[in-house]
Amino acid sequence: MNFRNNLDLMRRTFRNTHIRGLELQRPAWLTSSDKLIQIYKDQEKLFKHGQVYYGCLVQANELLFSKESKAVCPALVTYSTDERIVDHLSVLKKINNEMFRYKDEKAEDIPDNYKAQARIITDEMSREKMDFYTYLSDPLNIVNDKKFKFSKDYSKTDPERINIRMCCVMGCKEHLPKSLFIGPIFPIIAVPEKCDSIMILPDIFWSEEFRDWYLYESKTELYR
């Protein structure tokens, strides 16, 4: 499947189709003190100003994988606004697998450049976002640097570099094909220049080819 062509199609559909009533359903357990509430406050901003990108699943509440459950629950994903990542989605997948490998491990057994990510993944109640970057030629050698800006384009000065963000998203199965949360790749809406929140793109905006891939091939295909 051509991920770039499908992303372009979903972006055009999202920009040119105006549909009301696609707001996220707020679960009863979500209190006003939970930092996830910010996603609900930012929905209008996301629908009005957001761009479509590919997100890659790190981990999710197990209820999202249950066919019987309709619960709206959080998941942890990575994404990049760098357009080059569309041709290198395997980079996100490899990094996510490596980060998840250190979940619940002792701090002394975790490489220094994975400690912060492992802490967030281990603490399943964490709402913290994490920005880092990597290099296409050596994707597992991630770099944590608080000084850089996630949405800044470094490609001209550092052509191998890819900025990545790990953050929470609410998994609303009503927004997914056949109400199935499968992963690991799905389109998201983000506008990091205006807010840190992201949403899964409602499947009404998905291309038919990507929808079929998500349902029937996403777990077996090697991402290119």
Protein backbone atom coordinates (compact mmCIF):
# COMPACT_ATOMS: atom_id res chain seq x y z
CA MET A 1 0.00 0.00 0.00
CA ASN A 2 1.18 3.53 -0.75
CA PHE A 3 1.03 5.28 2.63
CA ARG A 4 1.84 8.69 1.17
CA ASN A 5 -0.93 8.65 -1.43
CA ASN A 6 -3.45 7.55 1.16
CA LEU A 7 -2.32 10.22 3.62
CA ASP A 8 -2.69 12.90 0.94
CA LEU A 9 -6.21 11.64 0.17
CA MET A 10 -7.22 11.61 3.85
CA ARG A 11 -5.84 15.12 4.29
CA ARG A 12 -7.89 16.42 1.37
CA THR A 13 -11.02 14.69 2.63
CA PHE A 14 -10.51 16.08 6.13
CA ARG A 15 -10.00 19.64 4.84
CA ASN A 16 -12.89 19.61 2.39
CA THR A 17 -15.54 17.69 4.34
CA HIS A 18 -17.45 19.49 7.08
CA ILE A 19 -19.37 17.15 9.37
CA ARG A 20 -20.81 17.96 12.77
CA GLY A 21 -21.17 15.60 15.69
CA LEU A 22 -17.73 13.99 15.55
CA GLU A 23 -16.62 15.18 18.96
CA LEU A 24 -15.11 12.63 21.32
CA GLN A 25 -17.40 10.99 23.82
CA ARG A 26 -16.28 11.91 27.32
CA PRO A 27 -16.21 8.83 29.57
CA ALA A 28 -17.76 9.02 33.02
CA TRP A 29 -14.46 8.22 34.72
CA LEU A 30 -12.68 11.26 33.25
CA THR A 31 -12.63 14.00 35.87
CA SER A 32 -11.87 17.67 35.33
CA SER A 33 -8.58 17.24 37.21
CA ASP A 34 -7.32 14.57 34.81
CA LYS A 35 -4.91 16.07 32.28
CA LEU A 36 -6.63 14.08 29.53
CA ILE A 37 -9.49 16.57 29.79
CA GLN A 38 -7.35 18.98 27.75
CA ILE A 39 -7.93 16.82 24.67
CA TYR A 40 -11.66 17.56 24.94
CA LYS A 41 -10.99 21.27 25.38
CA ASP A 42 -8.79 21.28 22.27
CA GLN A 43 -11.18 19.42 19.96
CA GLU A 44 -12.45 22.54 18.21
CA LYS A 45 -8.87 23.68 17.63
CA LEU A 46 -7.94 20.29 16.20
CA PHE A 47 -10.90 20.14 13.82
CA LYS A 48 -10.43 23.74 12.71
CA HIS A 49 -6.63 23.96 12.38
CA GLY A 50 -5.37 20.38 12.54
CA GLN A 51 -3.37 18.42 9.99
CA VAL A 52 -3.50 14.66 9.46
CA TYR A 53 -0.42 12.57 10.28
CA TYR A 54 0.25 8.92 10.96
CA GLY A 55 0.41 7.83 14.58
CA CYS A 56 2.02 4.62 15.80
CA LEU A 57 0.74 2.77 18.85
CA VAL A 58 3.02 2.27 21.85
CA GLN A 59 0.48 0.82 24.28
CA ALA A 60 -3.22 1.11 25.10
CA ASN A 61 -5.76 0.27 27.76
CA GLU A 62 -6.67 -3.39 27.23
CA LEU A 63 -10.40 -2.51 27.02
CA LEU A 64 -9.74 -0.94 23.62
CA PHE A 65 -8.80 -4.36 22.23
CA SER A 66 -11.97 -6.02 23.52
CA LYS A 67 -14.66 -6.44 20.85
CA GLU A 68 -17.34 -6.38 23.56
CA SER A 69 -16.20 -3.12 25.17
CA LYS A 70 -17.28 0.30 23.92
CA ALA A 71 -15.19 2.11 26.51
CA VAL A 72 -13.33 5.29 25.58
CA CYS A 73 -9.85 4.84 27.00
CA PRO A 74 -6.38 6.36 26.63
CA ALA A 75 -3.57 5.04 24.48
CA LEU A 76 0.03 6.10 24.06
CA VAL A 77 1.29 6.85 20.55
CA THR A 78 4.23 8.35 18.72
CA TYR A 79 4.08 10.59 15.67
CA SER A 80 6.15 13.04 13.69
CA THR A 81 5.24 16.12 11.67
CA ASP A 82 8.28 15.50 9.48
CA GLU A 83 6.92 14.49 6.07
CA ARG A 84 9.81 12.07 5.53
CA ILE A 85 8.44 9.75 8.21
CA VAL A 86 5.62 8.75 5.86
CA ASP A 87 8.17 6.76 3.85
CA HIS A 88 9.81 5.40 7.01
CA LEU A 89 6.95 4.31 9.28
CA SER A 90 9.06 1.34 10.30
CA VAL A 91 11.21 3.83 12.24
CA LEU A 92 8.32 4.61 14.59
CA LYS A 93 7.46 0.93 14.92
CA LYS A 94 11.05 -0.03 15.77
CA ILE A 95 11.44 2.76 18.33
CA ASN A 96 8.10 1.92 19.96
CA ASN A 97 9.07 -1.74 20.27
CA GLU A 98 12.41 -0.78 21.80
CA MET A 99 10.81 1.63 24.29
CA PHE A 100 8.19 -0.91 25.29
CA ARG A 101 10.91 -3.52 25.84
CA TYR A 102 12.05 -1.54 28.90
CA LYS A 103 8.63 -1.33 30.52
CA ASP A 104 8.80 -2.45 34.18
CA GLU A 105 12.57 -2.94 33.95
CA LYS A 106 14.90 -1.73 36.70
CA ALA A 107 16.41 1.69 36.02
CA GLU A 108 19.95 0.29 36.01
CA ASP A 109 18.98 -2.11 33.20
CA ILE A 110 17.64 0.65 30.92
CA PRO A 111 19.93 2.66 28.60
CA ASP A 112 20.13 6.31 29.63
CA ASN A 113 18.46 7.55 26.45
CA TYR A 114 15.42 5.32 27.11
CA LYS A 115 14.95 5.93 30.82
CA ALA A 116 12.45 8.81 30.51
CA GLN A 117 10.35 6.99 27.92
CA ALA A 118 10.39 3.77 29.95
CA ARG A 119 9.21 5.67 33.03
CA ILE A 120 6.20 7.07 31.17
CA ILE A 121 5.32 3.71 29.63
CA THR A 122 5.64 1.89 32.96
CA ASP A 123 3.42 4.43 34.72
CA GLU A 124 0.23 3.68 32.81
CA MET A 125 -1.50 6.61 34.49
CA SER A 126 1.03 9.12 33.17
CA ARG A 127 -0.31 11.85 30.90
CA GLU A 128 3.16 13.24 30.16
CA LYS A 129 4.26 13.96 26.61
CA MET A 130 7.84 13.33 25.55
CA ASP A 131 9.68 14.92 22.64
CA PHE A 132 12.87 13.40 21.29
CA TYR A 133 14.60 12.85 17.98
CA THR A 134 16.39 10.14 16.07
CA TYR A 135 18.30 9.58 12.86
CA LEU A 136 17.05 7.63 9.87
CA SER A 137 20.37 5.84 9.56
CA ASP A 138 20.32 4.74 13.23
CA PRO A 139 16.72 4.96 14.47
CA LEU A 140 17.19 3.23 17.83
CA ASN A 141 19.80 5.77 18.90
CA ILE A 142 17.18 8.23 20.17
CA VAL A 143 18.20 11.57 21.66
CA ASN A 144 16.43 13.39 24.49
CA ASP A 145 17.06 17.11 24.25
CA LYS A 146 14.77 19.58 26.03
CA LYS A 147 16.15 22.51 24.04
CA PHE A 148 14.85 21.57 20.61
CA LYS A 149 11.39 22.43 19.24
CA PHE A 150 9.32 19.46 18.10
CA SER A 151 7.54 21.28 15.27
CA LYS A 152 10.69 22.94 13.90
CA ASP A 153 12.00 21.63 10.56
CA TYR A 154 15.64 20.56 10.97
CA SER A 155 15.84 18.70 7.65
CA LYS A 156 17.95 21.33 5.87
CA THR A 157 20.61 21.54 8.56
CA ASP A 158 20.42 17.90 9.67
CA PRO A 159 18.92 15.78 6.85
CA GLU A 160 19.02 12.49 8.78
CA ARG A 161 17.18 13.84 11.82
CA ILE A 162 13.52 13.09 12.59
CA ASN A 163 11.65 14.72 15.49
CA ILE A 164 9.22 12.46 17.34
CA ARG A 165 6.56 13.07 19.98
CA MET A 166 5.11 10.47 22.34
CA CYS A 167 1.79 11.45 23.89
CA CYS A 168 -1.65 10.27 24.92
CA VAL A 169 -4.67 9.97 22.67
CA MET A 170 -8.22 8.93 23.54
CA GLY A 171 -9.25 5.71 21.85
CA CYS A 172 -12.85 6.17 20.73
CA LYS A 173 -13.90 3.01 18.91
CA GLU A 174 -16.89 4.76 17.36
CA HIS A 175 -14.33 6.66 15.27
CA LEU A 176 -12.69 3.46 13.98
CA PRO A 177 -13.62 1.05 11.17
CA LYS A 178 -16.08 -1.56 12.45
CA SER A 179 -15.40 -0.12 15.94
CA LEU A 180 -12.16 -2.09 16.09
CA PHE A 181 -9.01 -0.79 17.76
CA ILE A 182 -6.24 -2.69 15.98
CA GLY A 183 -3.22 -0.51 15.39
CA PRO A 184 -0.35 -0.13 15.18
CA ILE A 185 -0.62 2.59 12.51
CA PHE A 186 -3.62 4.93 12.20
CA PRO A 187 -4.19 8.53 11.12
CA ILE A 188 -4.33 11.23 13.78
CA ILE A 189 -5.15 14.95 13.87
CA ALA A 190 -2.52 17.24 15.37
CA VAL A 191 -1.61 20.92 15.38
CA PRO A 192 1.47 21.18 17.65
CA GLU A 193 1.89 24.90 16.93
CA LYS A 194 -1.38 25.56 18.79
CA CYS A 195 -1.80 22.68 21.26
CA ASP A 196 -0.25 19.42 22.46
CA SER A 197 -3.46 17.41 22.13
CA ILE A 198 -4.05 14.91 19.35
CA MET A 199 -7.07 12.89 18.20
CA ILE A 200 -7.52 9.78 16.10
CA LEU A 201 -8.93 10.87 12.74
CA PRO A 202 -12.57 9.67 12.60
CA ASP A 203 -12.79 6.90 10.03
CA ILE A 204 -15.35 8.79 7.94
CA PHE A 205 -12.30 10.69 6.62
CA TRP A 206 -10.22 7.57 5.97
CA SER A 207 -9.46 6.40 2.45
CA GLU A 208 -11.04 3.12 1.45
CA GLU A 209 -7.66 1.52 0.79
CA PHE A 210 -6.26 2.53 4.17
CA ARG A 211 -9.42 1.33 5.92
CA ASP A 212 -9.05 -2.09 4.31
CA TRP A 213 -5.35 -2.22 5.15
CA TYR A 214 -6.05 -1.30 8.78
CA LEU A 215 -8.69 -4.01 9.12
CA TYR A 216 -7.03 -6.87 7.26
CA GLU A 217 -3.31 -6.31 6.74
CA SER A 218 -1.94 -3.90 9.33
CA LYS A 219 -0.64 -6.59 11.68
CA THR A 220 1.23 -8.53 9.06
CA GLU A 221 2.54 -6.03 6.52
CA LEU A 222 6.11 -4.76 6.79
CA TYR A 223 5.94 -0.96 6.93
CA ARG A 224 8.06 0.71 4.31
